[in-house]
């Protein structure tokens, strides 16, 4: 009997990388709160309430520099594993394009958005109590019809969706956790329903030719 070759290809996949980093979170919290005190007005983008810092790339804070280095290493790892079959015009390296901090107190949240003009984006949680009430990050399936699942699935037969069939997938943050995802993947951060503050550092990245 001739064996039939079967291949299943995950077309248009949207991988999200999750990894714990070993950094001094107290020093990073102090760094962010000091920036907040010095630039209290901040910026407004997708944030509804809360504080969004200005660009932090030029900061020379020691622990922040360590964070940037570890983020860059993980970005390179994501590119080498996820985009392994892509062909580029020469050797490329991942580099941070911009990086900023966010402080969200009770009832503050971020609405649905993407990150234009970048390849990969991400967030590093420096203060989060690990509970859903402190705010989860949600990712929306890029095919809008899946967000209305009754168009394709007999809902009465499904107990739990997976990351392919779900219209929205939630990730529960944890202090010290880094998430990296495609910049075109829609996401939001649910409201902080607790009195404890949520603090994170987010970033955008792009590819650039490797300098010999």
N, C-alpha and C. Protein backbone atom coordinates (compact mmCIF):
# COMPACT_ATOMS: atom_id res chain seq x y z
N UNK A 1 0.84 -1.20 0.00
CA UNK A 1 0.00 0.00 0.00
C UNK A 1 0.88 1.26 0.00
N UNK A 2 0.58 2.17 -0.89
CA UNK A 2 1.33 3.43 -0.98
C UNK A 2 0.84 4.39 0.09
N UNK A 3 1.81 4.90 0.86
CA UNK A 3 1.45 5.87 1.90
C UNK A 3 1.14 7.21 1.26
N UNK A 4 0.03 7.79 1.66
CA UNK A 4 -0.32 9.12 1.17
C UNK A 4 0.37 10.18 2.01
N UNK A 5 1.00 11.13 1.33
CA UNK A 5 1.62 12.23 2.05
C UNK A 5 0.57 13.28 2.35
N UNK A 6 0.48 13.64 3.61
CA UNK A 6 -0.49 14.65 4.04
C UNK A 6 0.26 15.79 4.72
N UNK A 7 -0.06 16.98 4.33
CA UNK A 7 0.53 18.15 5.00
C UNK A 7 -0.58 19.11 5.40
N UNK A 8 -0.48 19.63 6.58
CA UNK A 8 -1.41 20.64 7.07
C UNK A 8 -0.62 21.92 7.31
N UNK A 9 -0.97 22.95 6.58
CA UNK A 9 -0.22 24.20 6.62
C UNK A 9 -1.02 25.26 7.39
N UNK A 10 -0.46 25.81 8.46
CA UNK A 10 -1.17 26.85 9.23
C UNK A 10 -1.10 28.20 8.52
N UNK A 11 -1.92 28.36 7.50
CA UNK A 11 -1.89 29.59 6.71
C UNK A 11 -2.19 30.82 7.57
N UNK A 12 -1.45 31.89 7.28
CA UNK A 12 -1.72 33.19 7.92
C UNK A 12 -1.69 33.11 9.44
N UNK A 13 -0.75 32.34 9.96
CA UNK A 13 -0.64 32.20 11.42
C UNK A 13 -0.21 33.51 12.06
N UNK A 14 -0.60 33.71 13.30
CA UNK A 14 -0.27 34.91 14.07
C UNK A 14 0.39 34.50 15.39
N UNK A 15 1.61 34.00 15.36
CA UNK A 15 2.23 33.48 16.59
C UNK A 15 2.47 34.58 17.62
N UNK A 16 2.19 34.26 18.87
CA UNK A 16 2.49 35.14 19.99
C UNK A 16 3.54 34.44 20.85
N UNK A 17 4.67 35.10 21.04
CA UNK A 17 5.73 34.55 21.89
C UNK A 17 5.53 35.01 23.32
N UNK A 18 5.68 34.09 24.27
CA UNK A 18 5.58 34.40 25.69
C UNK A 18 6.82 33.86 26.38
N UNK A 19 7.54 34.74 27.11
CA UNK A 19 8.78 34.31 27.77
C UNK A 19 8.98 35.16 29.02
N UNK A 20 9.49 34.54 30.07
CA UNK A 20 9.81 35.25 31.30
C UNK A 20 11.24 35.76 31.23
N UNK A 21 11.44 37.02 31.63
CA UNK A 21 12.76 37.63 31.65
C UNK A 21 13.22 37.82 33.09
N UNK A 22 14.52 37.69 33.30
CA UNK A 22 15.09 37.82 34.64
C UNK A 22 15.67 39.22 34.80
N UNK A 23 14.86 40.14 35.33
CA UNK A 23 15.28 41.52 35.52
C UNK A 23 14.83 42.01 36.90
N UNK A 24 15.41 43.11 37.34
CA UNK A 24 15.04 43.70 38.63
C UNK A 24 13.79 44.56 38.43
N UNK A 25 12.63 43.99 38.74
CA UNK A 25 11.36 44.66 38.48
C UNK A 25 11.20 45.91 39.34
N UNK A 26 11.71 45.89 40.56
CA UNK A 26 11.58 47.06 41.43
C UNK A 26 12.31 48.26 40.85
N UNK A 27 13.48 48.02 40.27
CA UNK A 27 14.23 49.12 39.64
C UNK A 27 13.48 49.65 38.43
N UNK A 28 12.85 48.77 37.67
CA UNK A 28 12.10 49.20 36.49
C UNK A 28 10.83 49.96 36.90
N UNK A 29 10.18 49.52 37.97
CA UNK A 29 9.00 50.24 38.47
C UNK A 29 9.41 51.65 38.89
N UNK A 30 10.52 51.75 39.62
CA UNK A 30 11.02 53.06 40.05
C UNK A 30 11.34 53.95 38.86
N UNK A 31 11.93 53.36 37.82
CA UNK A 31 12.27 54.09 36.59
C UNK A 31 11.02 54.65 35.92
N UNK A 32 9.98 53.83 35.80
CA UNK A 32 8.75 54.27 35.14
C UNK A 32 8.05 55.35 35.96
N UNK A 33 7.94 55.15 37.25
CA UNK A 33 7.23 56.12 38.08
C UNK A 33 7.98 57.45 38.15
N UNK A 34 9.30 57.39 38.09
CA UNK A 34 10.07 58.64 38.05
C UNK A 34 9.79 59.40 36.76
N UNK A 35 9.71 58.67 35.64
CA UNK A 35 9.36 59.29 34.35
C UNK A 35 7.95 59.89 34.41
N UNK A 36 7.05 59.18 35.04
CA UNK A 36 5.67 59.67 35.16
C UNK A 36 5.63 60.98 35.96
N UNK A 37 6.41 61.05 37.04
CA UNK A 37 6.44 62.26 37.85
C UNK A 37 7.05 63.44 37.09
N UNK A 38 8.03 63.15 36.23
CA UNK A 38 8.71 64.21 35.49
C UNK A 38 7.95 64.63 34.23
N UNK A 39 7.14 63.73 33.68
CA UNK A 39 6.38 64.02 32.44
C UNK A 39 4.94 63.58 32.63
N UNK A 40 4.28 64.22 33.59
CA UNK A 40 2.96 63.75 34.03
C UNK A 40 1.92 63.80 32.91
N UNK A 41 2.06 64.75 31.95
CA UNK A 41 1.05 64.88 30.91
C UNK A 41 1.02 63.66 29.98
N UNK A 42 2.18 63.05 29.74
CA UNK A 42 2.23 61.84 28.91
C UNK A 42 1.64 62.04 27.53
N UNK A 43 1.13 60.96 26.95
CA UNK A 43 0.55 60.97 25.60
C UNK A 43 -0.77 60.20 25.63
N UNK A 44 -1.58 60.42 24.60
CA UNK A 44 -2.83 59.67 24.46
C UNK A 44 -2.85 59.00 23.10
N UNK A 45 -2.96 57.67 23.08
CA UNK A 45 -3.06 56.90 21.85
C UNK A 45 -4.27 55.97 21.98
N UNK A 46 -4.04 54.69 22.28
CA UNK A 46 -5.18 53.76 22.49
C UNK A 46 -5.61 53.75 23.94
N UNK A 47 -4.85 54.41 24.81
CA UNK A 47 -5.15 54.36 26.24
C UNK A 47 -6.37 55.20 26.60
N UNK A 48 -7.24 54.61 27.37
CA UNK A 48 -8.43 55.28 27.90
C UNK A 48 -8.20 55.48 29.39
N UNK A 49 -7.78 56.67 29.75
CA UNK A 49 -7.30 56.89 31.10
C UNK A 49 -5.88 56.37 31.18
N UNK A 50 -5.32 56.38 32.36
CA UNK A 50 -3.96 55.87 32.51
C UNK A 50 -2.93 56.84 31.96
N UNK A 51 -1.68 56.46 32.10
CA UNK A 51 -0.56 57.30 31.67
C UNK A 51 0.27 56.55 30.65
N UNK A 52 0.51 57.20 29.49
CA UNK A 52 1.33 56.67 28.40
C UNK A 52 2.52 57.58 28.27
N UNK A 53 3.71 57.05 28.49
CA UNK A 53 4.91 57.90 28.47
C UNK A 53 5.25 58.38 27.07
N UNK A 54 6.14 59.33 27.02
CA UNK A 54 6.74 59.72 25.75
C UNK A 54 7.81 58.69 25.41
N UNK A 55 8.45 58.86 24.27
CA UNK A 55 9.47 57.93 23.79
C UNK A 55 10.63 57.82 24.81
N UNK A 56 11.02 56.56 25.11
CA UNK A 56 12.04 56.33 26.14
C UNK A 56 13.35 55.77 25.59
N UNK A 57 13.47 55.67 24.27
CA UNK A 57 14.62 54.98 23.67
C UNK A 57 15.97 55.52 24.13
N UNK A 58 16.05 56.81 24.41
CA UNK A 58 17.34 57.42 24.71
C UNK A 58 17.71 57.33 26.19
N UNK A 59 16.86 56.73 26.99
CA UNK A 59 17.16 56.62 28.42
C UNK A 59 18.38 55.73 28.64
N UNK A 60 19.22 56.11 29.60
CA UNK A 60 20.43 55.35 29.91
C UNK A 60 20.31 54.63 31.26
N UNK A 61 19.10 54.50 31.77
CA UNK A 61 18.88 53.79 33.03
C UNK A 61 19.41 52.36 32.89
N UNK A 62 20.21 51.92 33.85
CA UNK A 62 20.94 50.65 33.73
C UNK A 62 20.01 49.45 33.52
N UNK A 63 18.97 49.32 34.34
CA UNK A 63 18.09 48.15 34.22
C UNK A 63 17.24 48.24 32.95
N UNK A 64 16.91 49.46 32.54
CA UNK A 64 16.16 49.65 31.30
C UNK A 64 17.00 49.23 30.09
N UNK A 65 18.29 49.53 30.13
CA UNK A 65 19.19 49.10 29.04
C UNK A 65 19.26 47.57 28.98
N UNK A 66 19.27 46.92 30.15
CA UNK A 66 19.26 45.45 30.18
C UNK A 66 17.97 44.91 29.56
N UNK A 67 16.85 45.57 29.87
CA UNK A 67 15.56 45.16 29.30
C UNK A 67 15.59 45.28 27.79
N UNK A 68 16.08 46.38 27.26
CA UNK A 68 16.14 46.58 25.82
C UNK A 68 17.00 45.50 25.16
N UNK A 69 18.09 45.14 25.81
CA UNK A 69 18.97 44.12 25.25
C UNK A 69 18.27 42.76 25.21
N UNK A 70 17.56 42.41 26.28
CA UNK A 70 16.86 41.13 26.31
C UNK A 70 15.69 41.10 25.34
N UNK A 71 14.99 42.22 25.19
CA UNK A 71 13.91 42.30 24.20
C UNK A 71 14.46 42.07 22.80
N UNK A 72 15.58 42.72 22.49
CA UNK A 72 16.19 42.58 21.16
C UNK A 72 16.59 41.13 20.90
N UNK A 73 17.13 40.46 21.92
CA UNK A 73 17.50 39.05 21.77
C UNK A 73 16.27 38.19 21.44
N UNK A 74 15.15 38.45 22.14
CA UNK A 74 13.94 37.67 21.91
C UNK A 74 13.30 38.01 20.56
N UNK A 75 13.41 39.25 20.13
CA UNK A 75 12.93 39.61 18.79
C UNK A 75 13.69 38.83 17.73
N UNK A 76 15.00 38.74 17.90
CA UNK A 76 15.83 38.00 16.95
C UNK A 76 15.43 36.52 16.95
N UNK A 77 15.14 36.00 18.13
CA UNK A 77 14.72 34.60 18.25
C UNK A 77 13.38 34.38 17.54
N UNK A 78 12.44 35.31 17.73
CA UNK A 78 11.13 35.21 17.06
C UNK A 78 11.33 35.20 15.55
N UNK A 79 12.12 36.13 15.03
CA UNK A 79 12.36 36.20 13.59
C UNK A 79 12.97 34.91 13.06
N UNK A 80 13.95 34.37 13.77
CA UNK A 80 14.65 33.18 13.28
C UNK A 80 13.76 31.94 13.30
N UNK A 81 12.77 31.90 14.21
CA UNK A 81 11.92 30.72 14.31
C UNK A 81 10.61 30.84 13.55
N UNK A 82 10.04 32.04 13.51
CA UNK A 82 8.73 32.22 12.87
C UNK A 82 8.86 32.55 11.38
N UNK A 83 9.83 33.37 11.03
CA UNK A 83 10.01 33.79 9.64
C UNK A 83 11.11 33.01 8.95
N UNK A 84 11.31 31.76 9.40
CA UNK A 84 12.44 30.96 8.95
C UNK A 84 12.44 30.73 7.45
N UNK A 85 11.28 30.64 6.80
CA UNK A 85 11.23 30.35 5.36
C UNK A 85 11.16 31.61 4.48
N UNK A 86 11.21 32.78 5.10
CA UNK A 86 11.23 34.01 4.32
C UNK A 86 12.62 34.23 3.75
N UNK A 87 12.69 34.86 2.58
CA UNK A 87 13.97 35.20 1.97
C UNK A 87 14.13 36.71 1.96
N UNK A 88 15.23 37.17 2.52
CA UNK A 88 15.51 38.61 2.58
C UNK A 88 16.67 38.96 1.66
N UNK A 89 16.76 40.22 1.33
CA UNK A 89 17.85 40.71 0.48
C UNK A 89 19.07 41.00 1.34
N UNK A 90 19.72 39.95 1.77
CA UNK A 90 20.86 40.10 2.66
C UNK A 90 20.49 39.73 4.08
N UNK A 91 21.46 39.83 4.98
CA UNK A 91 21.24 39.50 6.39
C UNK A 91 20.52 40.65 7.08
N UNK A 92 19.52 40.29 7.86
CA UNK A 92 18.72 41.29 8.56
C UNK A 92 18.85 41.12 10.07
N UNK A 93 18.63 42.20 10.79
CA UNK A 93 18.64 42.15 12.24
C UNK A 93 17.43 42.89 12.78
N UNK A 94 16.87 42.42 13.88
CA UNK A 94 15.71 43.08 14.49
C UNK A 94 16.20 44.21 15.37
N UNK A 95 15.53 45.33 15.32
CA UNK A 95 15.93 46.47 16.14
C UNK A 95 14.69 47.19 16.66
N UNK A 96 14.79 47.72 17.88
CA UNK A 96 13.70 48.47 18.47
C UNK A 96 13.53 49.79 17.74
N UNK A 97 12.28 50.08 17.41
CA UNK A 97 11.96 51.33 16.72
C UNK A 97 11.52 52.40 17.70
N UNK A 98 10.74 51.99 18.69
CA UNK A 98 10.29 52.90 19.74
C UNK A 98 9.87 52.07 20.94
N UNK A 99 9.94 52.69 22.12
CA UNK A 99 9.61 51.99 23.36
C UNK A 99 9.04 52.99 24.35
N UNK A 100 8.02 52.58 25.08
CA UNK A 100 7.33 53.49 25.99
C UNK A 100 6.75 52.72 27.17
N UNK A 101 6.35 53.44 28.20
CA UNK A 101 5.80 52.82 29.40
C UNK A 101 4.33 53.19 29.56
N UNK A 102 3.60 52.35 30.29
CA UNK A 102 2.20 52.61 30.57
C UNK A 102 1.89 52.32 32.03
N UNK A 103 1.13 53.21 32.64
CA UNK A 103 0.69 53.02 34.02
C UNK A 103 -0.83 53.09 34.02
N UNK A 104 -1.46 52.00 34.44
CA UNK A 104 -2.93 51.92 34.43
C UNK A 104 -3.46 51.64 35.82
N UNK A 105 -4.20 52.60 36.35
CA UNK A 105 -4.84 52.43 37.64
C UNK A 105 -6.26 51.91 37.43
N UNK A 106 -7.06 51.91 38.46
CA UNK A 106 -8.39 51.30 38.40
C UNK A 106 -9.25 51.91 37.29
N UNK A 107 -9.89 51.05 36.49
CA UNK A 107 -10.80 51.38 35.40
C UNK A 107 -10.09 51.89 34.14
N UNK A 108 -8.78 51.94 34.13
CA UNK A 108 -8.04 52.35 32.93
C UNK A 108 -7.85 51.14 32.00
N UNK A 109 -7.85 51.39 30.69
CA UNK A 109 -7.70 50.30 29.72
C UNK A 109 -7.17 50.84 28.40
N UNK A 110 -6.88 49.93 27.47
CA UNK A 110 -6.47 50.30 26.10
C UNK A 110 -7.45 49.68 25.12
N UNK A 111 -7.93 50.50 24.19
CA UNK A 111 -8.92 50.05 23.21
C UNK A 111 -8.24 49.25 22.09
N UNK A 112 -9.07 48.64 21.22
CA UNK A 112 -8.54 47.86 20.08
C UNK A 112 -7.63 48.74 19.22
N UNK A 113 -6.48 48.17 18.82
CA UNK A 113 -5.56 48.92 17.98
C UNK A 113 -4.51 47.96 17.38
N UNK A 114 -3.80 48.47 16.39
CA UNK A 114 -2.62 47.80 15.84
C UNK A 114 -1.46 48.79 15.93
N UNK A 115 -0.27 48.34 15.53
CA UNK A 115 0.91 49.21 15.58
C UNK A 115 1.47 49.37 14.16
N UNK A 116 1.09 50.44 13.46
CA UNK A 116 1.55 50.62 12.08
C UNK A 116 3.04 50.96 11.99
N UNK A 117 3.60 50.72 10.81
CA UNK A 117 5.00 51.04 10.49
C UNK A 117 6.00 50.28 11.36
N UNK A 118 5.62 49.07 11.79
CA UNK A 118 6.54 48.20 12.51
C UNK A 118 6.21 46.76 12.15
N UNK A 119 7.13 45.86 12.45
CA UNK A 119 6.97 44.45 12.11
C UNK A 119 6.47 43.62 13.29
N UNK A 120 7.17 43.76 14.40
CA UNK A 120 6.78 43.08 15.62
C UNK A 120 6.61 44.09 16.74
N UNK A 121 5.63 43.84 17.59
CA UNK A 121 5.40 44.68 18.76
C UNK A 121 5.37 43.77 19.98
N UNK A 122 5.36 44.39 21.14
CA UNK A 122 5.31 43.57 22.34
C UNK A 122 5.12 44.39 23.59
N UNK A 123 5.00 43.66 24.69
CA UNK A 123 4.80 44.30 25.99
C UNK A 123 5.50 43.48 27.06
N UNK A 124 6.14 44.18 27.99
CA UNK A 124 6.79 43.54 29.13
C UNK A 124 6.11 44.06 30.39
N UNK A 125 5.60 43.14 31.20
CA UNK A 125 4.87 43.52 32.41
C UNK A 125 5.82 43.61 33.59
N UNK A 126 5.90 44.80 34.19
CA UNK A 126 6.77 44.96 35.35
C UNK A 126 5.97 45.02 36.65
N UNK A 127 4.66 45.26 36.55
CA UNK A 127 3.80 45.18 37.74
C UNK A 127 2.40 44.71 37.31
N UNK A 128 2.07 43.51 37.73
CA UNK A 128 0.77 42.90 37.46
C UNK A 128 0.60 41.78 38.46
N UNK A 129 -0.56 41.71 39.12
CA UNK A 129 -0.71 40.71 40.19
C UNK A 129 -1.09 39.33 39.68
N UNK A 130 -1.20 39.17 38.35
CA UNK A 130 -1.47 37.84 37.80
C UNK A 130 -2.92 37.44 37.79
N UNK A 131 -3.81 38.36 38.15
CA UNK A 131 -5.24 38.04 38.16
C UNK A 131 -5.93 38.65 36.94
N UNK A 132 -7.00 38.01 36.43
CA UNK A 132 -7.74 38.60 35.30
C UNK A 132 -8.29 39.98 35.62
N UNK A 133 -8.62 40.23 36.89
CA UNK A 133 -9.19 41.52 37.28
C UNK A 133 -8.19 42.66 37.15
N UNK A 134 -6.90 42.34 37.17
CA UNK A 134 -5.87 43.38 36.98
C UNK A 134 -5.70 43.73 35.50
N UNK A 135 -6.42 42.96 34.63
CA UNK A 135 -6.44 43.27 33.21
C UNK A 135 -5.71 42.26 32.35
N UNK A 136 -6.45 41.59 31.44
CA UNK A 136 -5.84 40.68 30.47
C UNK A 136 -5.58 41.43 29.17
N UNK A 137 -4.70 40.90 28.34
CA UNK A 137 -4.51 41.43 26.99
C UNK A 137 -5.24 40.48 26.03
N UNK A 138 -6.06 41.05 25.14
CA UNK A 138 -6.89 40.26 24.22
C UNK A 138 -6.44 40.48 22.79
N UNK A 139 -6.38 39.39 22.02
CA UNK A 139 -6.03 39.44 20.61
C UNK A 139 -7.22 39.02 19.78
N UNK A 140 -7.48 39.75 18.69
CA UNK A 140 -8.64 39.49 17.85
C UNK A 140 -8.22 38.76 16.57
N UNK A 141 -8.97 37.73 16.22
CA UNK A 141 -8.71 36.99 14.98
C UNK A 141 -8.76 37.96 13.80
N UNK A 142 -7.78 37.90 12.88
CA UNK A 142 -7.75 38.85 11.76
C UNK A 142 -8.90 38.68 10.77
N UNK A 143 -9.52 37.51 10.72
CA UNK A 143 -10.67 37.31 9.86
C UNK A 143 -11.93 37.71 10.63
N UNK A 144 -12.55 38.79 10.21
CA UNK A 144 -13.66 39.36 10.97
C UNK A 144 -14.83 38.39 11.12
N UNK A 145 -15.05 37.50 10.15
CA UNK A 145 -16.17 36.56 10.25
C UNK A 145 -16.03 35.61 11.43
N UNK A 146 -14.77 35.31 11.83
CA UNK A 146 -14.56 34.41 12.95
C UNK A 146 -14.98 35.08 14.25
N UNK A 147 -14.91 36.42 14.28
CA UNK A 147 -15.33 37.14 15.48
C UNK A 147 -16.83 36.96 15.71
N UNK A 148 -17.56 36.61 14.65
CA UNK A 148 -18.98 36.22 14.76
C UNK A 148 -19.05 34.73 14.48
N UNK A 149 -18.66 33.89 15.44
CA UNK A 149 -18.46 32.45 15.18
C UNK A 149 -19.69 31.70 14.73
N UNK A 150 -20.90 32.21 15.04
CA UNK A 150 -22.09 31.47 14.65
C UNK A 150 -22.28 31.43 13.14
N UNK A 151 -21.46 32.21 12.41
CA UNK A 151 -21.51 32.16 10.94
C UNK A 151 -20.87 30.88 10.41
N UNK A 152 -20.04 30.22 11.22
CA UNK A 152 -19.27 29.07 10.73
C UNK A 152 -19.34 27.84 11.63
N UNK A 153 -19.62 28.02 12.91
CA UNK A 153 -19.60 26.90 13.84
C UNK A 153 -20.97 26.67 14.47
N UNK A 154 -21.36 25.41 14.64
CA UNK A 154 -22.58 25.12 15.42
C UNK A 154 -22.26 25.32 16.90
N UNK A 155 -22.56 26.50 17.42
CA UNK A 155 -22.12 26.88 18.75
C UNK A 155 -22.60 25.94 19.84
N UNK A 156 -23.75 25.32 19.63
CA UNK A 156 -24.28 24.42 20.67
C UNK A 156 -23.41 23.17 20.84
N UNK A 157 -22.50 22.91 19.89
CA UNK A 157 -21.65 21.73 19.96
C UNK A 157 -20.28 22.02 20.54
N UNK A 158 -19.94 23.29 20.75
CA UNK A 158 -18.59 23.66 21.18
C UNK A 158 -18.58 24.01 22.66
N UNK A 159 -17.67 23.34 23.38
CA UNK A 159 -17.50 23.68 24.80
C UNK A 159 -16.38 24.70 24.97
N UNK A 160 -15.22 24.46 24.29
CA UNK A 160 -14.08 25.37 24.38
C UNK A 160 -13.44 25.50 23.01
N UNK A 161 -13.20 26.74 22.55
CA UNK A 161 -12.48 26.96 21.29
C UNK A 161 -10.98 26.83 21.51
N UNK A 162 -10.24 26.70 20.41
CA UNK A 162 -8.79 26.78 20.49
C UNK A 162 -8.32 28.06 19.79
N UNK A 163 -7.00 28.22 19.65
CA UNK A 163 -6.48 29.48 19.09
C UNK A 163 -6.77 29.62 17.60
N UNK A 164 -7.22 28.55 16.94
CA UNK A 164 -7.58 28.64 15.52
C UNK A 164 -9.04 29.06 15.36
N UNK A 165 -9.92 28.50 16.17
CA UNK A 165 -11.36 28.74 15.99
C UNK A 165 -11.88 29.93 16.78
N UNK A 166 -11.15 30.37 17.77
CA UNK A 166 -11.64 31.45 18.63
C UNK A 166 -11.61 32.79 17.90
N UNK A 167 -12.61 33.63 18.17
CA UNK A 167 -12.61 34.98 17.61
C UNK A 167 -11.69 35.91 18.38
N UNK A 168 -11.60 35.67 19.68
CA UNK A 168 -10.74 36.47 20.55
C UNK A 168 -10.03 35.53 21.52
N UNK A 169 -8.73 35.76 21.72
CA UNK A 169 -7.94 34.96 22.66
C UNK A 169 -7.34 35.89 23.70
N UNK A 170 -7.52 35.55 24.96
CA UNK A 170 -6.98 36.35 26.06
C UNK A 170 -5.69 35.73 26.58
N UNK A 171 -4.73 36.59 26.92
CA UNK A 171 -3.50 36.17 27.59
C UNK A 171 -3.49 36.82 28.97
N UNK A 172 -3.22 36.03 29.99
CA UNK A 172 -3.15 36.56 31.34
C UNK A 172 -1.72 37.01 31.63
N UNK A 173 -1.52 38.31 31.84
CA UNK A 173 -0.17 38.81 32.13
C UNK A 173 0.34 38.35 33.49
N UNK A 174 1.63 38.52 33.67
CA UNK A 174 2.29 38.21 34.92
C UNK A 174 3.53 39.07 35.00
N UNK A 175 3.84 39.59 36.16
CA UNK A 175 5.04 40.42 36.32
C UNK A 175 6.27 39.63 35.88
N UNK A 176 7.06 40.22 34.98
CA UNK A 176 8.25 39.57 34.45
C UNK A 176 8.04 38.88 33.12
N UNK A 177 6.79 38.87 32.62
CA UNK A 177 6.49 38.19 31.35
C UNK A 177 6.58 39.14 30.17
N UNK A 178 7.22 38.67 29.10
CA UNK A 178 7.32 39.39 27.84
C UNK A 178 6.46 38.71 26.79
N UNK A 179 5.65 39.49 26.08
CA UNK A 179 4.88 38.99 24.95
C UNK A 179 5.34 39.71 23.68
N UNK A 180 5.52 38.96 22.60
CA UNK A 180 5.88 39.51 21.29
C UNK A 180 4.89 38.98 20.27
N UNK A 181 4.41 39.87 19.39
CA UNK A 181 3.38 39.48 18.43
C UNK A 181 3.49 40.33 17.17
N UNK A 182 2.89 39.89 16.05
CA UNK A 182 2.91 40.70 14.81
C UNK A 182 2.21 42.04 15.06
N UNK A 183 2.80 43.10 14.55
CA UNK A 183 2.28 44.45 14.80
C UNK A 183 0.90 44.67 14.19
N UNK A 184 0.52 43.85 13.21
CA UNK A 184 -0.77 44.02 12.54
C UNK A 184 -1.88 43.22 13.22
N UNK A 185 -1.57 42.52 14.31
CA UNK A 185 -2.57 41.76 15.03
C UNK A 185 -3.32 42.67 16.00
N UNK A 186 -4.63 42.81 15.79
CA UNK A 186 -5.43 43.69 16.65
C UNK A 186 -5.44 43.17 18.09
N UNK A 187 -5.31 44.11 19.03
CA UNK A 187 -5.29 43.73 20.44
C UNK A 187 -5.81 44.89 21.29
N UNK A 188 -6.19 44.57 22.50
CA UNK A 188 -6.60 45.57 23.48
C UNK A 188 -6.23 45.05 24.86
N UNK A 189 -6.25 45.94 25.84
CA UNK A 189 -5.99 45.56 27.22
C UNK A 189 -7.23 45.90 28.03
N UNK A 190 -7.78 44.88 28.69
CA UNK A 190 -9.00 45.08 29.45
C UNK A 190 -8.78 46.00 30.64
N UNK A 191 -9.86 46.57 31.14
CA UNK A 191 -9.79 47.51 32.25
C UNK A 191 -9.21 46.86 33.50
N UNK A 192 -8.42 47.64 34.20
CA UNK A 192 -7.93 47.23 35.51
C UNK A 192 -9.07 47.42 36.51
N UNK A 193 -9.55 46.35 37.09
CA UNK A 193 -10.69 46.41 38.01
C UNK A 193 -10.26 46.39 39.47
N UNK A 194 -8.94 46.46 39.69
CA UNK A 194 -8.44 46.38 41.06
C UNK A 194 -7.79 47.70 41.48
N UNK A 195 -7.56 47.83 42.76
CA UNK A 195 -6.92 49.04 43.28
C UNK A 195 -5.42 49.03 43.02
N UNK A 196 -4.84 47.86 42.77
CA UNK A 196 -3.40 47.76 42.51
C UNK A 196 -3.10 48.19 41.08
N UNK A 197 -2.08 49.01 40.91
CA UNK A 197 -1.73 49.57 39.61
C UNK A 197 -1.11 48.51 38.70
N UNK A 198 -1.31 48.67 37.39
CA UNK A 198 -0.70 47.81 36.38
C UNK A 198 0.34 48.64 35.63
N UNK A 199 1.57 48.15 35.54
CA UNK A 199 2.65 48.90 34.87
C UNK A 199 3.31 48.01 33.83
N UNK A 200 3.51 48.54 32.64
CA UNK A 200 4.12 47.76 31.56
C UNK A 200 5.01 48.65 30.70
N UNK A 201 5.88 48.02 29.94
CA UNK A 201 6.72 48.70 28.96
C UNK A 201 6.46 48.04 27.61
N UNK A 202 6.03 48.84 26.63
CA UNK A 202 5.68 48.32 25.30
C UNK A 202 6.65 48.84 24.26
N UNK A 203 6.65 48.19 23.10
CA UNK A 203 7.63 48.56 22.08
C UNK A 203 7.17 48.15 20.69
N UNK A 204 7.77 48.80 19.71
CA UNK A 204 7.65 48.42 18.30
C UNK A 204 9.04 48.13 17.77
N UNK A 205 9.12 47.25 16.79
CA UNK A 205 10.41 46.92 16.20
C UNK A 205 10.29 46.78 14.69
N UNK A 206 11.42 46.80 14.05
CA UNK A 206 11.46 46.62 12.60
C UNK A 206 12.73 45.87 12.23
N UNK A 207 12.88 45.55 10.96
CA UNK A 207 14.09 44.89 10.47
C UNK A 207 14.97 45.91 9.77
N UNK A 208 16.27 45.72 9.89
CA UNK A 208 17.22 46.58 9.20
C UNK A 208 18.39 45.72 8.74
N UNK A 209 19.09 46.14 7.68
CA UNK A 209 20.23 45.35 7.19
C UNK A 209 21.31 45.22 8.27
N UNK A 210 21.85 44.03 8.37
CA UNK A 210 22.90 43.77 9.35
C UNK A 210 24.17 44.47 8.92
N UNK A 211 24.80 45.20 9.85
CA UNK A 211 26.04 45.91 9.55
C UNK A 211 27.21 44.96 9.75
N UNK A 212 28.00 44.82 8.72
CA UNK A 212 29.13 43.88 8.77
C UNK A 212 30.23 44.39 9.71
